[in-house]
Amino acid sequence: ADLLKRGAENVLVDRSVPKGKLVAAIYEKALGRKPTSNELKLGRELAGEPVQAAGVEDLLWTVAMLPEFQLIY
């Protein structure tokens, strides 16, 4: 849990990824693909507007729990 919390904090301070493309960047980095339209919508809802650390942490948990992620890693 602490690892994903720190990961969310690191994502927020990374200036190389615009906040509007945060969800897509996480999916591309973790799964090697773009999110579907439903995943993008849910990811944006989870991350919050404006983006919040707790929301990004929830998004990271969501991606980490996907069977697709677990097969890759």
C-alpha atoms as a PDB file:
ATOM      1  CA  ALA A   1       0.000   0.000   0.000  1.00  0.00           C
ATOM      2  CA  ASP A   2       2.842   2.355   0.861  1.00  0.00           C
ATOM      3  CA  LEU A   3       4.508   1.675  -2.486  1.00  0.00           C
ATOM      4  CA  LEU A   4       1.395   2.712  -4.427  1.00  0.00           C
ATOM      5  CA  LYS A   5       0.947   5.771  -2.204  1.00  0.00           C
ATOM      6  CA  ARG A   6       4.516   6.872  -2.945  1.00  0.00           C
ATOM      7  CA  GLY A   7       3.975   6.066  -6.623  1.00  0.00           C
ATOM      8  CA  ALA A   8       0.944   8.353  -6.729  1.00  0.00           C
ATOM      9  CA  GLU A   9       2.939  11.153  -5.112  1.00  0.00           C
ATOM     10  CA  ASN A  10       5.739  10.660  -7.646  1.00  0.00           C
ATOM     11  CA  VAL A  11       3.281  10.778 -10.548  1.00  0.00           C
ATOM     12  CA  LEU A  12       1.949  14.099  -9.310  1.00  0.00           C
ATOM     13  CA  VAL A  13       5.369  15.760  -9.139  1.00  0.00           C
ATOM     14  CA  ASP A  14       6.445  14.429 -12.555  1.00  0.00           C
ATOM     15  CA  ARG A  15       6.195  17.465 -14.831  1.00  0.00           C
ATOM     16  CA  SER A  16       6.770  15.420 -18.010  1.00  0.00           C
ATOM     17  CA  VAL A  17       3.163  14.142 -18.028  1.00  0.00           C
ATOM     18  CA  PRO A  18       0.410  16.745 -18.427  1.00  0.00           C
ATOM     19  CA  LYS A  19      -2.362  16.188 -15.871  1.00  0.00           C
ATOM     20  CA  GLY A  20      -4.904  15.810 -18.695  1.00  0.00           C
ATOM     21  CA  LYS A  21      -2.982  12.813 -20.045  1.00  0.00           C
ATOM     22  CA  LEU A  22      -2.229  11.229 -16.685  1.00  0.00           C
ATOM     23  CA  VAL A  23      -4.644   8.305 -17.020  1.00  0.00           C
ATOM     24  CA  ALA A  24      -3.453   7.430 -20.514  1.00  0.00           C
ATOM     25  CA  ALA A  25       0.188   7.665 -19.404  1.00  0.00           C
ATOM     26  CA  ILE A  26      -0.404   5.280 -16.492  1.00  0.00           C
ATOM     27  CA  TYR A  27      -2.143   2.730 -18.735  1.00  0.00           C
ATOM     28  CA  GLU A  28       0.557   2.954 -21.386  1.00  0.00           C
ATOM     29  CA  LYS A  29       3.351   2.559 -18.829  1.00  0.00           C
ATOM     30  CA  ALA A  30       1.675  -0.263 -16.877  1.00  0.00           C
ATOM     31  CA  LEU A  31      -0.064  -2.193 -19.645  1.00  0.00           C
ATOM     32  CA  GLY A  32       1.620  -1.084 -22.859  1.00  0.00           C
ATOM     33  CA  ARG A  33      -1.646   0.139 -24.339  1.00  0.00           C
ATOM     34  CA  LYS A  34      -4.043   3.062 -24.282  1.00  0.00           C
ATOM     35  CA  PRO A  35      -7.066   2.866 -21.985  1.00  0.00           C
ATOM     36  CA  THR A  36     -10.462   2.061 -23.444  1.00  0.00           C
ATOM     37  CA  SER A  37     -13.024   4.851 -23.376  1.00  0.00           C
ATOM     38  CA  ASN A  38     -14.614   3.339 -20.246  1.00  0.00           C
ATOM     39  CA  GLU A  39     -11.235   2.961 -18.533  1.00  0.00           C
ATOM     40  CA  LEU A  40     -10.351   6.535 -19.414  1.00  0.00           C
ATOM     41  CA  LYS A  41     -13.623   7.841 -18.015  1.00  0.00           C
ATOM     42  CA  LEU A  42     -13.283   5.848 -14.789  1.00  0.00           C
ATOM     43  CA  GLY A  43      -9.627   6.779 -14.445  1.00  0.00           C
ATOM     44  CA  ARG A  44     -10.419  10.471 -14.729  1.00  0.00           C
ATOM     45  CA  GLU A  45     -13.176  10.124 -12.142  1.00  0.00           C
ATOM     46  CA  LEU A  46     -10.814   8.323  -9.775  1.00  0.00           C
ATOM     47  CA  ALA A  47      -7.951  10.798 -10.228  1.00  0.00           C
ATOM     48  CA  GLY A  48     -10.267  13.728  -9.559  1.00  0.00           C
ATOM     49  CA  GLU A  49     -10.564  17.212 -10.930  1.00  0.00           C
ATOM     50  CA  PRO A  50      -8.192  18.677 -10.030  1.00  0.00           C
ATOM     51  CA  VAL A  51      -6.034  15.577  -9.757  1.00  0.00           C
ATOM     52  CA  GLN A  52      -5.582  14.429  -6.150  1.00  0.00           C
ATOM     53  CA  ALA A  53      -2.917  12.119  -4.707  1.00  0.00           C
ATOM     54  CA  ALA A  54      -5.522   9.808  -3.135  1.00  0.00           C
ATOM     55  CA  GLY A  55      -7.339   9.550  -6.465  1.00  0.00           C
ATOM     56  CA  VAL A  56      -4.148   8.688  -8.346  1.00  0.00           C
ATOM     57  CA  GLU A  57      -3.395   6.081  -5.683  1.00  0.00           C
ATOM     58  CA  ASP A  58      -6.842   4.555  -6.260  1.00  0.00           C
ATOM     59  CA  LEU A  59      -6.177   4.532 -10.000  1.00  0.00           C
ATOM     60  CA  LEU A  60      -2.852   2.777  -9.481  1.00  0.00           C
ATOM     61  CA  TRP A  61      -4.580   0.176  -7.303  1.00  0.00           C
ATOM     62  CA  THR A  62      -7.202  -0.346 -10.007  1.00  0.00           C
ATOM     63  CA  VAL A  63      -4.585  -0.920 -12.687  1.00  0.00           C
ATOM     64  CA  ALA A  64      -2.444  -3.142 -10.448  1.00  0.00           C
ATOM     65  CA  MET A  65      -5.414  -5.387  -9.721  1.00  0.00           C
ATOM     66  CA  LEU A  66      -6.189  -5.992 -13.396  1.00  0.00           C
ATOM     67  CA  PRO A  67      -5.418  -9.576 -14.457  1.00  0.00           C
ATOM     68  CA  GLU A  68      -3.744  -8.079 -17.522  1.00  0.00           C
ATOM     69  CA  PHE A  69      -1.255  -6.199 -15.299  1.00  0.00           C
ATOM     70  CA  GLN A  70      -0.584  -9.272 -13.199  1.00  0.00           C
ATOM     71  CA  LEU A  71       0.205 -11.314 -16.322  1.00  0.00           C
ATOM     72  CA  ILE A  72       2.694  -8.706 -17.507  1.00  0.00           C
ATOM     73  CA  TYR A  73       4.470  -8.350 -14.174  1.00  0.00           C
END
